[in-house]
Each structure stands twice: as C-alpha cells, then as structure tokens.
mmCIF file of all heavy atoms, coordinates in Angstrom:
data_MODEL
# 
_entry.id   MODEL 
# 
loop_
_atom_site.group_PDB 
_atom_site.id 
_atom_site.type_symbol 
_atom_site.label_atom_id 
_atom_site.label_alt_id 
_atom_site.label_comp_id 
_atom_site.label_asym_id 
_atom_site.label_entity_id 
_atom_site.label_seq_id 
_atom_site.pdbx_PDB_ins_code 
_atom_site.Cartn_x 
_atom_site.Cartn_y 
_atom_site.Cartn_z 
_atom_site.occupancy 
_atom_site.B_iso_or_equiv 
_atom_site.pdbx_formal_charge 
_atom_site.auth_seq_id 
_atom_site.auth_comp_id 
_atom_site.auth_asym_id 
_atom_site.auth_atom_id 
_atom_site.pdbx_PDB_model_num 
ATOM 1   N N   . GLY A 1 1  ? 6.200  -6.370  -4.793  1.00 0.00 ? 1  GLY A N   1 
ATOM 2   C CA  . GLY A 1 1  ? 6.344  -5.831  -3.444  1.00 0.00 ? 1  GLY A CA  1 
ATOM 3   C C   . GLY A 1 1  ? 5.109  -5.117  -2.937  1.00 0.00 ? 1  GLY A C   1 
ATOM 4   O O   . GLY A 1 1  ? 4.611  -5.415  -1.841  1.00 0.00 ? 1  GLY A O   1 
ATOM 5   N N   . LEU A 1 2  ? 4.593  -4.159  -3.701  1.00 0.00 ? 2  LEU A N   1 
ATOM 6   C CA  . LEU A 1 2  ? 3.418  -3.419  -3.251  1.00 0.00 ? 2  LEU A CA  1 
ATOM 7   C C   . LEU A 1 2  ? 2.174  -4.298  -3.238  1.00 0.00 ? 2  LEU A C   1 
ATOM 8   O O   . LEU A 1 2  ? 1.314  -4.160  -2.361  1.00 0.00 ? 2  LEU A O   1 
ATOM 9   C CB  . LEU A 1 2  ? 3.199  -2.198  -4.151  1.00 0.00 ? 2  LEU A CB  1 
ATOM 10  C CG  . LEU A 1 2  ? 4.200  -1.058  -3.970  1.00 0.00 ? 2  LEU A CG  1 
ATOM 11  C CD1 . LEU A 1 2  ? 3.949  0.036   -4.999  1.00 0.00 ? 2  LEU A CD1 1 
ATOM 12  C CD2 . LEU A 1 2  ? 4.122  -0.494  -2.557  1.00 0.00 ? 2  LEU A CD2 1 
ATOM 13  N N   . HIS A 1 3  ? 2.067  -5.193  -4.215  1.00 0.00 ? 3  HIS A N   1 
ATOM 14  C CA  . HIS A 1 3  ? 0.933  -6.125  -4.254  1.00 0.00 ? 3  HIS A CA  1 
ATOM 15  C C   . HIS A 1 3  ? 0.926  -6.988  -2.999  1.00 0.00 ? 3  HIS A C   1 
ATOM 16  O O   . HIS A 1 3  ? -0.116 -7.152  -2.339  1.00 0.00 ? 3  HIS A O   1 
ATOM 17  C CB  . HIS A 1 3  ? 1.044  -6.992  -5.509  1.00 0.00 ? 3  HIS A CB  1 
ATOM 18  C CG  . HIS A 1 3  ? -0.050 -8.008  -5.645  1.00 0.00 ? 3  HIS A CG  1 
ATOM 19  N ND1 . HIS A 1 3  ? -1.360 -7.668  -5.909  1.00 0.00 ? 3  HIS A ND1 1 
ATOM 20  C CD2 . HIS A 1 3  ? -0.022 -9.366  -5.548  1.00 0.00 ? 3  HIS A CD2 1 
ATOM 21  C CE1 . HIS A 1 3  ? -2.093 -8.766  -5.969  1.00 0.00 ? 3  HIS A CE1 1 
ATOM 22  N NE2 . HIS A 1 3  ? -1.308 -9.804  -5.757  1.00 0.00 ? 3  HIS A NE2 1 
ATOM 23  N N   . LEU A 1 4  ? 2.085  -7.534  -2.640  1.00 0.00 ? 4  LEU A N   1 
ATOM 24  C CA  . LEU A 1 4  ? 2.189  -8.350  -1.429  1.00 0.00 ? 4  LEU A CA  1 
ATOM 25  C C   . LEU A 1 4  ? 1.945  -7.510  -0.174  1.00 0.00 ? 4  LEU A C   1 
ATOM 26  O O   . LEU A 1 4  ? 1.264  -7.959  0.757   1.00 0.00 ? 4  LEU A O   1 
ATOM 27  C CB  . LEU A 1 4  ? 3.565  -9.000  -1.355  1.00 0.00 ? 4  LEU A CB  1 
ATOM 28  C CG  . LEU A 1 4  ? 3.773  -10.269 -2.175  1.00 0.00 ? 4  LEU A CG  1 
ATOM 29  C CD1 . LEU A 1 4  ? 5.247  -10.659 -2.178  1.00 0.00 ? 4  LEU A CD1 1 
ATOM 30  C CD2 . LEU A 1 4  ? 2.930  -11.405 -1.638  1.00 0.00 ? 4  LEU A CD2 1 
ATOM 31  N N   . SER A 1 5  ? 2.484  -6.301  -0.152  1.00 0.00 ? 5  SER A N   1 
ATOM 32  C CA  . SER A 1 5  ? 2.303  -5.443  1.016   1.00 0.00 ? 5  SER A CA  1 
ATOM 33  C C   . SER A 1 5  ? 0.822  -5.152  1.263   1.00 0.00 ? 5  SER A C   1 
ATOM 34  O O   . SER A 1 5  ? 0.351  -5.185  2.407   1.00 0.00 ? 5  SER A O   1 
ATOM 35  C CB  . SER A 1 5  ? 3.064  -4.126  0.829   1.00 0.00 ? 5  SER A CB  1 
ATOM 36  O OG  . SER A 1 5  ? 4.456  -4.368  0.778   1.00 0.00 ? 5  SER A OG  1 
ATOM 37  N N   . GLN A 1 6  ? 0.091  -4.863  0.196   1.00 0.00 ? 6  GLN A N   1 
ATOM 38  C CA  . GLN A 1 6  ? -1.339 -4.596  0.352   1.00 0.00 ? 6  GLN A CA  1 
ATOM 39  C C   . GLN A 1 6  ? -2.074 -5.832  0.862   1.00 0.00 ? 6  GLN A C   1 
ATOM 40  O O   . GLN A 1 6  ? -2.920 -5.743  1.764   1.00 0.00 ? 6  GLN A O   1 
ATOM 41  C CB  . GLN A 1 6  ? -1.932 -4.147  -1.000  1.00 0.00 ? 6  GLN A CB  1 
ATOM 42  C CG  . GLN A 1 6  ? -3.403 -3.747  -0.948  1.00 0.00 ? 6  GLN A CG  1 
ATOM 43  C CD  . GLN A 1 6  ? -3.628 -2.480  -0.158  1.00 0.00 ? 6  GLN A CD  1 
ATOM 44  O OE1 . GLN A 1 6  ? -3.653 -2.505  1.077   1.00 0.00 ? 6  GLN A OE1 1 
ATOM 45  N NE2 . GLN A 1 6  ? -3.781 -1.365  -0.855  1.00 0.00 ? 6  GLN A NE2 1 
ATOM 46  N N   . LYS A 1 7  ? -1.758 -6.998  0.291   1.00 0.00 ? 7  LYS A N   1 
ATOM 47  C CA  . LYS A 1 7  ? -2.418 -8.230  0.733   1.00 0.00 ? 7  LYS A CA  1 
ATOM 48  C C   . LYS A 1 7  ? -2.095 -8.545  2.190   1.00 0.00 ? 7  LYS A C   1 
ATOM 49  O O   . LYS A 1 7  ? -2.980 -8.947  2.970   1.00 0.00 ? 7  LYS A O   1 
ATOM 50  C CB  . LYS A 1 7  ? -2.011 -9.403  -0.156  1.00 0.00 ? 7  LYS A CB  1 
ATOM 51  C CG  . LYS A 1 7  ? -2.709 -9.440  -1.502  1.00 0.00 ? 7  LYS A CG  1 
ATOM 52  C CD  . LYS A 1 7  ? -2.669 -10.847 -2.080  1.00 0.00 ? 7  LYS A CD  1 
ATOM 53  C CE  . LYS A 1 7  ? -3.705 -11.013 -3.178  1.00 0.00 ? 7  LYS A CE  1 
ATOM 54  N NZ  . LYS A 1 7  ? -3.896 -12.413 -3.554  1.00 0.00 ? 7  LYS A NZ  1 
ATOM 55  N N   . LEU A 1 8  ? -0.854 -8.376  2.580   1.00 0.00 ? 8  LEU A N   1 
ATOM 56  C CA  . LEU A 1 8  ? -0.456 -8.655  3.956   1.00 0.00 ? 8  LEU A CA  1 
ATOM 57  C C   . LEU A 1 8  ? -1.123 -7.670  4.919   1.00 0.00 ? 8  LEU A C   1 
ATOM 58  O O   . LEU A 1 8  ? -1.573 -8.062  6.005   1.00 0.00 ? 8  LEU A O   1 
ATOM 59  C CB  . LEU A 1 8  ? 1.064  -8.578  4.092   1.00 0.00 ? 8  LEU A CB  1 
ATOM 60  C CG  . LEU A 1 8  ? 1.859  -9.685  3.390   1.00 0.00 ? 8  LEU A CG  1 
ATOM 61  C CD1 . LEU A 1 8  ? 3.355  -9.389  3.455   1.00 0.00 ? 8  LEU A CD1 1 
ATOM 62  C CD2 . LEU A 1 8  ? 1.556  -11.047 4.006   1.00 0.00 ? 8  LEU A CD2 1 
ATOM 63  N N   . ALA A 1 9  ? -1.194 -6.401  4.536   1.00 0.00 ? 9  ALA A N   1 
ATOM 64  C CA  . ALA A 1 9  ? -1.856 -5.406  5.387   1.00 0.00 ? 9  ALA A CA  1 
ATOM 65  C C   . ALA A 1 9  ? -3.331 -5.750  5.569   1.00 0.00 ? 9  ALA A C   1 
ATOM 66  O O   . ALA A 1 9  ? -3.876 -5.679  6.686   1.00 0.00 ? 9  ALA A O   1 
ATOM 67  C CB  . ALA A 1 9  ? -1.700 -4.008  4.787   1.00 0.00 ? 9  ALA A CB  1 
ATOM 68  N N   . GLN A 1 10 ? -3.989 -6.112  4.487   1.00 0.00 ? 10 GLN A N   1 
ATOM 69  C CA  . GLN A 1 10 ? -5.403 -6.484  4.574   1.00 0.00 ? 10 GLN A CA  1 
ATOM 70  C C   . GLN A 1 10 ? -5.596 -7.719  5.431   1.00 0.00 ? 10 GLN A C   1 
ATOM 71  O O   . GLN A 1 10 ? -6.590 -7.836  6.164   1.00 0.00 ? 10 GLN A O   1 
ATOM 72  C CB  . GLN A 1 10 ? -5.962 -6.704  3.163   1.00 0.00 ? 10 GLN A CB  1 
ATOM 73  C CG  . GLN A 1 10 ? -6.064 -5.421  2.355   1.00 0.00 ? 10 GLN A CG  1 
ATOM 74  C CD  . GLN A 1 10 ? -6.399 -5.663  0.898   1.00 0.00 ? 10 GLN A CD  1 
ATOM 75  O OE1 . GLN A 1 10 ? -6.370 -6.800  0.421   1.00 0.00 ? 10 GLN A OE1 1 
ATOM 76  N NE2 . GLN A 1 10 ? -6.711 -4.597  0.172   1.00 0.00 ? 10 GLN A NE2 1 
ATOM 77  N N   . LEU A 1 11 ? -4.651 -8.646  5.355   1.00 0.00 ? 11 LEU A N   1 
ATOM 78  C CA  . LEU A 1 11 ? -4.722 -9.859  6.179   1.00 0.00 ? 11 LEU A CA  1 
ATOM 79  C C   . LEU A 1 11 ? -4.697 -9.509  7.664   1.00 0.00 ? 11 LEU A C   1 
ATOM 80  O O   . LEU A 1 11 ? -5.298 -10.206 8.487   1.00 0.00 ? 11 LEU A O   1 
ATOM 81  C CB  . LEU A 1 11 ? -3.543 -10.776 5.829   1.00 0.00 ? 11 LEU A CB  1 
ATOM 82  C CG  . LEU A 1 11 ? -3.552 -12.199 6.387   1.00 0.00 ? 11 LEU A CG  1 
ATOM 83  C CD1 . LEU A 1 11 ? -4.695 -13.004 5.792   1.00 0.00 ? 11 LEU A CD1 1 
ATOM 84  C CD2 . LEU A 1 11 ? -2.232 -12.891 6.097   1.00 0.00 ? 11 LEU A CD2 1 
ATOM 85  N N   . MET A 1 12 ? -4.039 -8.404  8.000   1.00 0.00 ? 12 MET A N   1 
ATOM 86  C CA  . MET A 1 12 ? -3.940 -7.979  9.403   1.00 0.00 ? 12 MET A CA  1 
ATOM 87  C C   . MET A 1 12 ? -4.973 -6.918  9.769   1.00 0.00 ? 12 MET A C   1 
ATOM 88  O O   . MET A 1 12 ? -4.878 -6.288  10.828  1.00 0.00 ? 12 MET A O   1 
ATOM 89  C CB  . MET A 1 12 ? -2.523 -7.455  9.670   1.00 0.00 ? 12 MET A CB  1 
ATOM 90  C CG  . MET A 1 12 ? -1.451 -8.529  9.556   1.00 0.00 ? 12 MET A CG  1 
ATOM 91  S SD  . MET A 1 12 ? 0.217  -7.949  9.981   1.00 0.00 ? 12 MET A SD  1 
ATOM 92  C CE  . MET A 1 12 ? 0.594  -6.916  8.551   1.00 0.00 ? 12 MET A CE  1 
ATOM 93  N N   . GLY A 1 13 ? -5.947 -6.689  8.893   1.00 0.00 ? 13 GLY A N   1 
ATOM 94  C CA  . GLY A 1 13 ? -6.992 -5.720  9.190   1.00 0.00 ? 13 GLY A CA  1 
ATOM 95  C C   . GLY A 1 13 ? -6.639 -4.287  8.870   1.00 0.00 ? 13 GLY A C   1 
ATOM 96  O O   . GLY A 1 13 ? -7.279 -3.361  9.367   1.00 0.00 ? 13 GLY A O   1 
ATOM 97  N N   . GLY A 1 14 ? -5.621 -4.094  8.035   1.00 0.00 ? 14 GLY A N   1 
ATOM 98  C CA  . GLY A 1 14 ? -5.204 -2.743  7.680   1.00 0.00 ? 14 GLY A CA  1 
ATOM 99  C C   . GLY A 1 14 ? -5.229 -2.508  6.190   1.00 0.00 ? 14 GLY A C   1 
ATOM 100 O O   . GLY A 1 14 ? -5.905 -3.205  5.441   1.00 0.00 ? 14 GLY A O   1 
ATOM 101 N N   . ALA A 1 15 ? -4.463 -1.514  5.737   1.00 0.00 ? 15 ALA A N   1 
ATOM 102 C CA  . ALA A 1 15 ? -4.420 -1.176  4.315   1.00 0.00 ? 15 ALA A CA  1 
ATOM 103 C C   . ALA A 1 15 ? -3.186 -0.340  4.034   1.00 0.00 ? 15 ALA A C   1 
ATOM 104 O O   . ALA A 1 15 ? -2.634 0.320   4.922   1.00 0.00 ? 15 ALA A O   1 
ATOM 105 C CB  . ALA A 1 15 ? -5.677 -0.419  3.899   1.00 0.00 ? 15 ALA A CB  1 
ATOM 106 N N   . VAL A 1 16 ? -2.767 -0.388  2.769   1.00 0.00 ? 16 VAL A N   1 
ATOM 107 C CA  . VAL A 1 16 ? -1.671 0.455   2.290   1.00 0.00 ? 16 VAL A CA  1 
ATOM 108 C C   . VAL A 1 16 ? -2.257 1.489   1.337   1.00 0.00 ? 16 VAL A C   1 
ATOM 109 O O   . VAL A 1 16 ? -3.055 1.139   0.454   1.00 0.00 ? 16 VAL A O   1 
ATOM 110 C CB  . VAL A 1 16 ? -0.579 -0.377  1.572   1.00 0.00 ? 16 VAL A CB  1 
ATOM 111 C CG1 . VAL A 1 16 ? 0.512  0.535   1.034   1.00 0.00 ? 16 VAL A CG1 1 
ATOM 112 C CG2 . VAL A 1 16 ? 0.016  -1.413  2.518   1.00 0.00 ? 16 VAL A CG2 1 
ATOM 113 N N   . SER A 1 17 ? -1.882 2.748   1.499   1.00 0.00 ? 17 SER A N   1 
ATOM 114 C CA  . SER A 1 17 ? -2.403 3.837   0.667   1.00 0.00 ? 17 SER A CA  1 
ATOM 115 C C   . SER A 1 17 ? -1.247 4.702   0.189   1.00 0.00 ? 17 SER A C   1 
ATOM 116 O O   . SER A 1 17 ? -0.118 4.566   0.654   1.00 0.00 ? 17 SER A O   1 
ATOM 117 C CB  . SER A 1 17 ? -3.406 4.682   1.457   1.00 0.00 ? 17 SER A CB  1 
ATOM 118 O OG  . SER A 1 17 ? -4.415 3.876   2.035   1.00 0.00 ? 17 SER A OG  1 
ATOM 119 N N   . LEU A 1 18 ? -1.565 5.609   -0.748  1.00 0.00 ? 18 LEU A N   1 
ATOM 120 C CA  . LEU A 1 18 ? -0.504 6.482   -1.263  1.00 0.00 ? 18 LEU A CA  1 
ATOM 121 C C   . LEU A 1 18 ? -1.056 7.789   -1.788  1.00 0.00 ? 18 LEU A C   1 
ATOM 122 O O   . LEU A 1 18 ? -2.231 7.883   -2.160  1.00 0.00 ? 18 LEU A O   1 
ATOM 123 C CB  . LEU A 1 18 ? 0.256  5.779   -2.381  1.00 0.00 ? 18 LEU A CB  1 
ATOM 124 C CG  . LEU A 1 18 ? -0.438 5.742   -3.761  1.00 0.00 ? 18 LEU A CG  1 
ATOM 125 C CD1 . LEU A 1 18 ? 0.244  6.708   -4.709  1.00 0.00 ? 18 LEU A CD1 1 
ATOM 126 C CD2 . LEU A 1 18 ? -0.456 4.361   -4.337  1.00 0.00 ? 18 LEU A CD2 1 
ATOM 127 N N   . THR A 1 19 ? -0.193 8.790   -1.781  1.00 0.00 ? 19 THR A N   1 
ATOM 128 C CA  . THR A 1 19 ? -0.409 10.022  -2.542  1.00 0.00 ? 19 THR A CA  1 
ATOM 129 C C   . THR A 1 19 ? 0.911  10.304  -3.245  1.00 0.00 ? 19 THR A C   1 
ATOM 130 O O   . THR A 1 19 ? 1.984  9.953   -2.742  1.00 0.00 ? 19 THR A O   1 
ATOM 131 C CB  . THR A 1 19 ? -0.777 11.210  -1.633  1.00 0.00 ? 19 THR A CB  1 
ATOM 132 O OG1 . THR A 1 19 ? 0.264  11.409  -0.684  1.00 0.00 ? 19 THR A OG1 1 
ATOM 133 C CG2 . THR A 1 19 ? -2.092 10.974  -0.927  1.00 0.00 ? 19 THR A CG2 1 
ATOM 134 N N   . SER A 1 20 ? 0.842  10.946  -4.413  1.00 0.00 ? 20 SER A N   1 
ATOM 135 C CA  . SER A 1 20 ? 2.071  11.206  -5.153  1.00 0.00 ? 20 SER A CA  1 
ATOM 136 C C   . SER A 1 20 ? 1.907  12.434  -6.026  1.00 0.00 ? 20 SER A C   1 
ATOM 137 O O   . SER A 1 20 ? 0.830  12.685  -6.571  1.00 0.00 ? 20 SER A O   1 
ATOM 138 C CB  . SER A 1 20 ? 2.448  9.998   -6.018  1.00 0.00 ? 20 SER A CB  1 
ATOM 139 O OG  . SER A 1 20 ? 3.702  10.198  -6.648  1.00 0.00 ? 20 SER A OG  1 
ATOM 140 N N   . ASP A 1 21 ? 2.990  13.174  -6.135  1.00 0.00 ? 21 ASP A N   1 
ATOM 141 C CA  . ASP A 1 21 ? 3.065  14.340  -7.025  1.00 0.00 ? 21 ASP A CA  1 
ATOM 142 C C   . ASP A 1 21 ? 4.181  14.036  -8.015  1.00 0.00 ? 21 ASP A C   1 
ATOM 143 O O   . ASP A 1 21 ? 5.369  14.057  -7.649  1.00 0.00 ? 21 ASP A O   1 
ATOM 144 C CB  . ASP A 1 21 ? 3.355  15.599  -6.210  1.00 0.00 ? 21 ASP A CB  1 
ATOM 145 C CG  . ASP A 1 21 ? 3.230  16.869  -7.048  1.00 0.00 ? 21 ASP A CG  1 
ATOM 146 O OD1 . ASP A 1 21 ? 3.002  16.739  -8.279  1.00 0.00 ? 21 ASP A OD1 1 
ATOM 147 O OD2 . ASP A 1 21 ? 3.367  17.962  -6.478  1.00 0.00 ? 21 ASP A OD2 1 
ATOM 148 N N   . TYR A 1 22 ? 3.815  13.742  -9.263  1.00 0.00 ? 22 TYR A N   1 
ATOM 149 C CA  . TYR A 1 22 ? 4.801  13.277  -10.227 1.00 0.00 ? 22 TYR A CA  1 
ATOM 150 C C   . TYR A 1 22 ? 5.927  14.295  -10.405 1.00 0.00 ? 22 TYR A C   1 
ATOM 151 O O   . TYR A 1 22 ? 5.695  15.480  -10.625 1.00 0.00 ? 22 TYR A O   1 
ATOM 152 C CB  . TYR A 1 22 ? 4.141  13.006  -11.570 1.00 0.00 ? 22 TYR A CB  1 
ATOM 153 C CG  . TYR A 1 22 ? 5.088  12.425  -12.600 1.00 0.00 ? 22 TYR A CG  1 
ATOM 154 C CD1 . TYR A 1 22 ? 5.675  11.181  -12.398 1.00 0.00 ? 22 TYR A CD1 1 
ATOM 155 C CD2 . TYR A 1 22 ? 5.420  13.138  -13.750 1.00 0.00 ? 22 TYR A CD2 1 
ATOM 156 C CE1 . TYR A 1 22 ? 6.554  10.650  -13.322 1.00 0.00 ? 22 TYR A CE1 1 
ATOM 157 C CE2 . TYR A 1 22 ? 6.301  12.608  -14.687 1.00 0.00 ? 22 TYR A CE2 1 
ATOM 158 C CZ  . TYR A 1 22 ? 6.865  11.366  -14.463 1.00 0.00 ? 22 TYR A CZ  1 
ATOM 159 O OH  . TYR A 1 22 ? 7.738  10.837  -15.375 1.00 0.00 ? 22 TYR A OH  1 
ATOM 160 N N   . GLY A 1 23 ? 7.140  13.775  -10.274 1.00 0.00 ? 23 GLY A N   1 
ATOM 161 C CA  . GLY A 1 23 ? 8.324  14.626  -10.392 1.00 0.00 ? 23 GLY A CA  1 
ATOM 162 C C   . GLY A 1 23 ? 8.764  15.250  -9.087  1.00 0.00 ? 23 GLY A C   1 
ATOM 163 O O   . GLY A 1 23 ? 9.857  15.831  -9.010  1.00 0.00 ? 23 GLY A O   1 
ATOM 164 N N   . LYS A 1 24 ? 7.942  15.136  -8.040  1.00 0.00 ? 24 LYS A N   1 
ATOM 165 C CA  . LYS A 1 24 ? 8.290  15.771  -6.762  1.00 0.00 ? 24 LYS A CA  1 
ATOM 166 C C   . LYS A 1 24 ? 8.398  14.776  -5.606  1.00 0.00 ? 24 LYS A C   1 
ATOM 167 O O   . LYS A 1 24 ? 9.087  15.053  -4.626  1.00 0.00 ? 24 LYS A O   1 
ATOM 168 C CB  . LYS A 1 24 ? 7.247  16.835  -6.405  1.00 0.00 ? 24 LYS A CB  1 
ATOM 169 C CG  . LYS A 1 24 ? 7.216  18.010  -7.387  1.00 0.00 ? 24 LYS A CG  1 
ATOM 170 C CD  . LYS A 1 24 ? 6.211  19.061  -6.943  1.00 0.00 ? 24 LYS A CD  1 
ATOM 171 C CE  . LYS A 1 24 ? 6.203  20.251  -7.912  1.00 0.00 ? 24 LYS A CE  1 
ATOM 172 N NZ  . LYS A 1 24 ? 5.219  21.283  -7.500  1.00 0.00 ? 24 LYS A NZ  1 
# 
C-alpha cells in the first residue's frame, strides 16, 4: 500500500512523507 502510494504520488508530481513517535 505505502509503496504504491509513493509511486502514484510521484507519478502525479507529488510525494508521500511521514513523521512518527513510536508508541504515540
């Protein structure tokens, strides 16, 4: 899912990013 989402976003000139706090 995330792999495809990143590829599709890049195909449209965008990007997928994230921040995370483990456990929160």
